[in-house]
Amino acid sequence: MQRVKKCDKCEKDFIQKWVNREKHWSQLNQVSYWTDDKKWSNYQLFCRSCLKDWFEYEREIFDNLVNNESKRRIFYSYRGHGAFDKPDHLNK
């Protein structure tokens, strides 16, 4: 199952997937998941491309907000395995 959401940064529609085993929508796109509920400029959802850009072009902000070492390792792993390079924008 999946749903269409809008990225708060680039404002493009992207697909968010349902994680059946955990019974909730994927937290990959949720800024609050990575930051342990810390706020950043009213951003709530990022597409994969904006998650990658957040790390690469706004590294100081990323480092200040993502303090949980476990979540940093998960983010680095996803980035290293190309999870943020996979297309999630809606093709119209």
N, C-alpha and C. Protein backbone atom coordinates (compact mmCIF):
# COMPACT_ATOMS: atom_id res chain seq x y z
N MET A 1 0.85 -1.16 0.00
CA MET A 1 0.00 0.00 0.00
C MET A 1 0.90 1.23 0.00
N GLN A 2 0.44 2.28 -0.62
CA GLN A 2 1.19 3.52 -0.67
C GLN A 2 0.24 4.70 -0.80
N ARG A 3 0.76 5.87 -0.49
CA ARG A 3 -0.04 7.09 -0.62
C ARG A 3 0.83 8.20 -1.18
N VAL A 4 0.18 9.20 -1.72
CA VAL A 4 0.88 10.35 -2.29
C VAL A 4 0.92 11.47 -1.26
N LYS A 5 2.12 11.97 -1.01
CA LYS A 5 2.32 13.08 -0.08
C LYS A 5 3.11 14.17 -0.81
N LYS A 6 3.16 15.35 -0.22
CA LYS A 6 3.90 16.46 -0.81
C LYS A 6 5.12 16.76 0.05
N CYS A 7 6.28 16.86 -0.59
CA CYS A 7 7.52 17.19 0.10
C CYS A 7 7.44 18.64 0.58
N ASP A 8 7.78 18.86 1.85
CA ASP A 8 7.71 20.21 2.41
C ASP A 8 8.83 21.11 1.90
N LYS A 9 9.87 20.53 1.35
CA LYS A 9 11.00 21.34 0.88
C LYS A 9 10.87 21.69 -0.61
N CYS A 10 10.76 20.69 -1.48
CA CYS A 10 10.69 20.96 -2.93
C CYS A 10 9.25 21.07 -3.43
N GLU A 11 8.30 20.69 -2.58
CA GLU A 11 6.86 20.75 -2.88
C GLU A 11 6.42 19.84 -4.03
N LYS A 12 7.20 18.80 -4.30
CA LYS A 12 6.80 17.82 -5.31
C LYS A 12 6.07 16.68 -4.63
N ASP A 13 5.16 16.05 -5.36
CA ASP A 13 4.46 14.88 -4.85
C ASP A 13 5.41 13.68 -4.87
N PHE A 14 5.35 12.88 -3.82
CA PHE A 14 6.14 11.66 -3.76
C PHE A 14 5.30 10.56 -3.14
N ILE A 15 5.77 9.33 -3.27
CA ILE A 15 5.05 8.17 -2.77
C ILE A 15 5.63 7.74 -1.43
N GLN A 16 4.76 7.62 -0.43
CA GLN A 16 5.15 7.11 0.88
C GLN A 16 4.55 5.72 1.02
N LYS A 17 5.36 4.77 1.45
CA LYS A 17 4.92 3.38 1.52
C LYS A 17 4.45 2.99 2.91
N TRP A 18 3.55 2.02 2.94
CA TRP A 18 3.03 1.44 4.18
C TRP A 18 3.96 0.30 4.60
N VAL A 19 4.34 0.26 5.86
CA VAL A 19 5.18 -0.82 6.39
C VAL A 19 4.24 -1.75 7.14
N ASN A 20 3.85 -2.82 6.48
CA ASN A 20 2.82 -3.72 7.01
C ASN A 20 3.24 -4.37 8.32
N ARG A 21 4.49 -4.80 8.41
CA ARG A 21 4.95 -5.50 9.61
C ARG A 21 4.90 -4.58 10.84
N GLU A 22 5.06 -3.27 10.65
CA GLU A 22 5.02 -2.33 11.77
C GLU A 22 3.68 -1.59 11.88
N LYS A 23 2.83 -1.77 10.89
CA LYS A 23 1.48 -1.20 10.87
C LYS A 23 1.47 0.34 10.92
N HIS A 24 2.37 0.96 10.15
CA HIS A 24 2.34 2.42 10.01
C HIS A 24 3.07 2.81 8.72
N TRP A 25 2.93 4.07 8.35
CA TRP A 25 3.57 4.58 7.15
C TRP A 25 5.07 4.67 7.40
N SER A 26 5.84 4.48 6.35
CA SER A 26 7.29 4.53 6.45
C SER A 26 7.74 5.84 7.08
N GLN A 27 8.66 5.73 8.03
CA GLN A 27 9.18 6.90 8.72
C GLN A 27 10.38 7.50 8.00
N LEU A 28 10.83 6.86 6.94
CA LEU A 28 11.98 7.33 6.18
C LEU A 28 11.84 8.80 5.79
N ASN A 29 10.65 9.21 5.41
CA ASN A 29 10.42 10.57 4.92
C ASN A 29 10.10 11.58 6.01
N GLN A 30 9.97 11.15 7.24
CA GLN A 30 9.56 12.04 8.33
C GLN A 30 10.78 12.67 9.00
N VAL A 31 10.87 13.98 8.92
CA VAL A 31 11.97 14.72 9.54
C VAL A 31 12.01 14.42 11.04
N SER A 32 10.86 14.36 11.68
CA SER A 32 10.80 14.14 13.13
C SER A 32 11.37 12.78 13.53
N TYR A 33 11.30 11.80 12.66
CA TYR A 33 11.90 10.49 12.96
C TYR A 33 13.41 10.63 13.11
N TRP A 34 14.03 11.32 12.17
CA TRP A 34 15.50 11.46 12.20
C TRP A 34 15.96 12.38 13.32
N THR A 35 15.17 13.38 13.66
CA THR A 35 15.59 14.39 14.64
C THR A 35 15.07 14.11 16.04
N ASP A 36 14.41 12.98 16.25
CA ASP A 36 13.79 12.68 17.55
C ASP A 36 12.84 13.81 17.97
N ASP A 37 11.99 14.20 17.03
CA ASP A 37 10.92 15.20 17.22
C ASP A 37 11.40 16.64 17.37
N LYS A 38 12.65 16.92 17.05
CA LYS A 38 13.10 18.32 17.03
C LYS A 38 12.55 18.97 15.78
N LYS A 39 12.15 20.21 15.89
CA LYS A 39 11.57 20.96 14.76
C LYS A 39 12.68 21.60 13.93
N TRP A 40 12.41 21.71 12.63
CA TRP A 40 13.30 22.42 11.73
C TRP A 40 12.47 23.13 10.67
N SER A 41 12.33 24.43 10.79
CA SER A 41 11.67 25.28 9.80
C SER A 41 10.32 24.75 9.33
N ASN A 42 9.55 24.17 10.19
CA ASN A 42 8.23 23.63 9.86
C ASN A 42 8.26 22.50 8.84
N TYR A 43 9.42 21.91 8.60
CA TYR A 43 9.50 20.76 7.71
C TYR A 43 9.03 19.52 8.46
N GLN A 44 8.18 18.74 7.80
CA GLN A 44 7.70 17.50 8.39
C GLN A 44 8.01 16.29 7.51
N LEU A 45 7.83 16.45 6.19
CA LEU A 45 8.05 15.34 5.26
C LEU A 45 9.01 15.77 4.15
N PHE A 46 9.97 14.91 3.86
CA PHE A 46 10.91 15.13 2.75
C PHE A 46 10.82 13.95 1.79
N CYS A 47 10.92 14.25 0.51
CA CYS A 47 11.10 13.18 -0.47
C CYS A 47 12.54 12.67 -0.32
N ARG A 48 12.86 11.58 -0.96
CA ARG A 48 14.19 10.99 -0.82
C ARG A 48 15.29 11.94 -1.32
N SER A 49 15.01 12.64 -2.40
CA SER A 49 15.99 13.56 -2.95
C SER A 49 16.32 14.69 -1.96
N CYS A 50 15.31 15.21 -1.29
CA CYS A 50 15.53 16.28 -0.31
C CYS A 50 16.21 15.76 0.95
N LEU A 51 15.97 14.49 1.32
CA LEU A 51 16.70 13.89 2.43
C LEU A 51 18.19 13.84 2.11
N LYS A 52 18.51 13.45 0.89
CA LYS A 52 19.90 13.38 0.46
C LYS A 52 20.53 14.78 0.44
N ASP A 53 19.80 15.76 -0.08
CA ASP A 53 20.29 17.14 -0.13
C ASP A 53 20.48 17.72 1.27
N TRP A 54 19.60 17.36 2.19
CA TRP A 54 19.70 17.83 3.57
C TRP A 54 21.05 17.44 4.14
N PHE A 55 21.46 16.20 3.90
CA PHE A 55 22.73 15.70 4.40
C PHE A 55 23.90 16.35 3.66
N GLU A 56 23.81 16.44 2.34
CA GLU A 56 24.94 16.88 1.53
C GLU A 56 25.13 18.40 1.52
N TYR A 57 24.05 19.16 1.50
CA TYR A 57 24.17 20.62 1.34
C TYR A 57 23.86 21.42 2.60
N GLU A 58 23.26 20.79 3.59
CA GLU A 58 22.94 21.47 4.85
C GLU A 58 23.46 20.62 6.01
N ARG A 59 24.69 20.20 5.87
CA ARG A 59 25.29 19.24 6.79
C ARG A 59 25.34 19.75 8.23
N GLU A 60 25.62 21.03 8.41
CA GLU A 60 25.70 21.57 9.77
C GLU A 60 24.35 21.47 10.48
N ILE A 61 23.27 21.78 9.76
CA ILE A 61 21.93 21.66 10.32
C ILE A 61 21.61 20.19 10.61
N PHE A 62 21.94 19.32 9.66
CA PHE A 62 21.74 17.88 9.85
C PHE A 62 22.46 17.41 11.12
N ASP A 63 23.73 17.75 11.24
CA ASP A 63 24.52 17.32 12.40
C ASP A 63 23.97 17.85 13.72
N ASN A 64 23.44 19.06 13.70
CA ASN A 64 22.87 19.63 14.93
C ASN A 64 21.54 18.98 15.32
N LEU A 65 20.77 18.54 14.33
CA LEU A 65 19.44 17.99 14.61
C LEU A 65 19.42 16.48 14.79
N VAL A 66 20.27 15.77 14.08
CA VAL A 66 20.28 14.31 14.17
C VAL A 66 21.38 13.90 15.15
N ASN A 67 21.03 13.84 16.42
CA ASN A 67 22.00 13.56 17.48
C ASN A 67 22.06 12.09 17.86
N ASN A 68 20.99 11.36 17.59
CA ASN A 68 20.90 9.96 17.97
C ASN A 68 21.86 9.15 17.09
N GLU A 69 22.87 8.56 17.71
CA GLU A 69 23.91 7.84 16.97
C GLU A 69 23.34 6.68 16.16
N SER A 70 22.36 5.99 16.70
CA SER A 70 21.73 4.88 15.99
C SER A 70 21.05 5.37 14.71
N LYS A 71 20.34 6.47 14.80
CA LYS A 71 19.64 7.00 13.62
C LYS A 71 20.63 7.55 12.60
N ARG A 72 21.74 8.11 13.07
CA ARG A 72 22.79 8.56 12.15
C ARG A 72 23.34 7.38 11.36
N ARG A 73 23.60 6.27 12.04
CA ARG A 73 24.12 5.08 11.37
C ARG A 73 23.11 4.55 10.35
N ILE A 74 21.83 4.55 10.72
CA ILE A 74 20.79 4.10 9.78
C ILE A 74 20.76 5.02 8.56
N PHE A 75 20.80 6.34 8.80
CA PHE A 75 20.78 7.31 7.69
C PHE A 75 21.99 7.08 6.78
N TYR A 76 23.19 6.94 7.37
CA TYR A 76 24.40 6.71 6.58
C TYR A 76 24.30 5.41 5.78
N SER A 77 23.73 4.39 6.39
CA SER A 77 23.56 3.12 5.70
C SER A 77 22.61 3.26 4.51
N TYR A 78 21.48 3.90 4.73
CA TYR A 78 20.52 4.12 3.63
C TYR A 78 21.18 4.91 2.51
N ARG A 79 21.92 5.94 2.88
CA ARG A 79 22.59 6.78 1.89
C ARG A 79 23.64 5.96 1.14
N GLY A 80 24.43 5.19 1.87
CA GLY A 80 25.47 4.38 1.25
C GLY A 80 24.95 3.29 0.34
N HIS A 81 23.77 2.77 0.64
CA HIS A 81 23.17 1.71 -0.19
C HIS A 81 22.27 2.27 -1.29
N GLY A 82 22.21 3.59 -1.41
CA GLY A 82 21.45 4.20 -2.50
C GLY A 82 19.96 4.35 -2.26
N ALA A 83 19.51 4.21 -1.02
CA ALA A 83 18.07 4.32 -0.75
C ALA A 83 17.52 5.71 -1.10
N PHE A 84 18.35 6.73 -0.97
CA PHE A 84 17.89 8.09 -1.27
C PHE A 84 18.00 8.41 -2.76
N ASP A 85 18.63 7.52 -3.51
CA ASP A 85 18.74 7.71 -4.96
C ASP A 85 17.57 7.08 -5.71
N LYS A 86 16.80 6.24 -5.03
CA LYS A 86 15.65 5.60 -5.67
C LYS A 86 14.56 6.64 -5.92
N PRO A 87 13.96 6.59 -7.10
CA PRO A 87 12.91 7.59 -7.39
C PRO A 87 11.66 7.35 -6.55
N ASP A 88 11.17 8.41 -5.95
CA ASP A 88 9.89 8.31 -5.22
C ASP A 88 8.91 9.39 -5.67
N HIS A 89 9.34 10.26 -6.62
CA HIS A 89 8.43 11.27 -7.12
C HIS A 89 7.37 10.63 -8.01
N LEU A 90 6.21 11.19 -7.97
CA LEU A 90 5.09 10.70 -8.75
C LEU A 90 5.28 11.06 -10.21
N ASN A 91 5.23 10.09 -11.08
CA ASN A 91 5.34 10.34 -12.53
C ASN A 91 3.96 10.61 -13.08
N LYS A 92 3.80 11.76 -13.68
CA LYS A 92 2.48 12.11 -14.24
C LYS A 92 2.50 12.08 -15.74
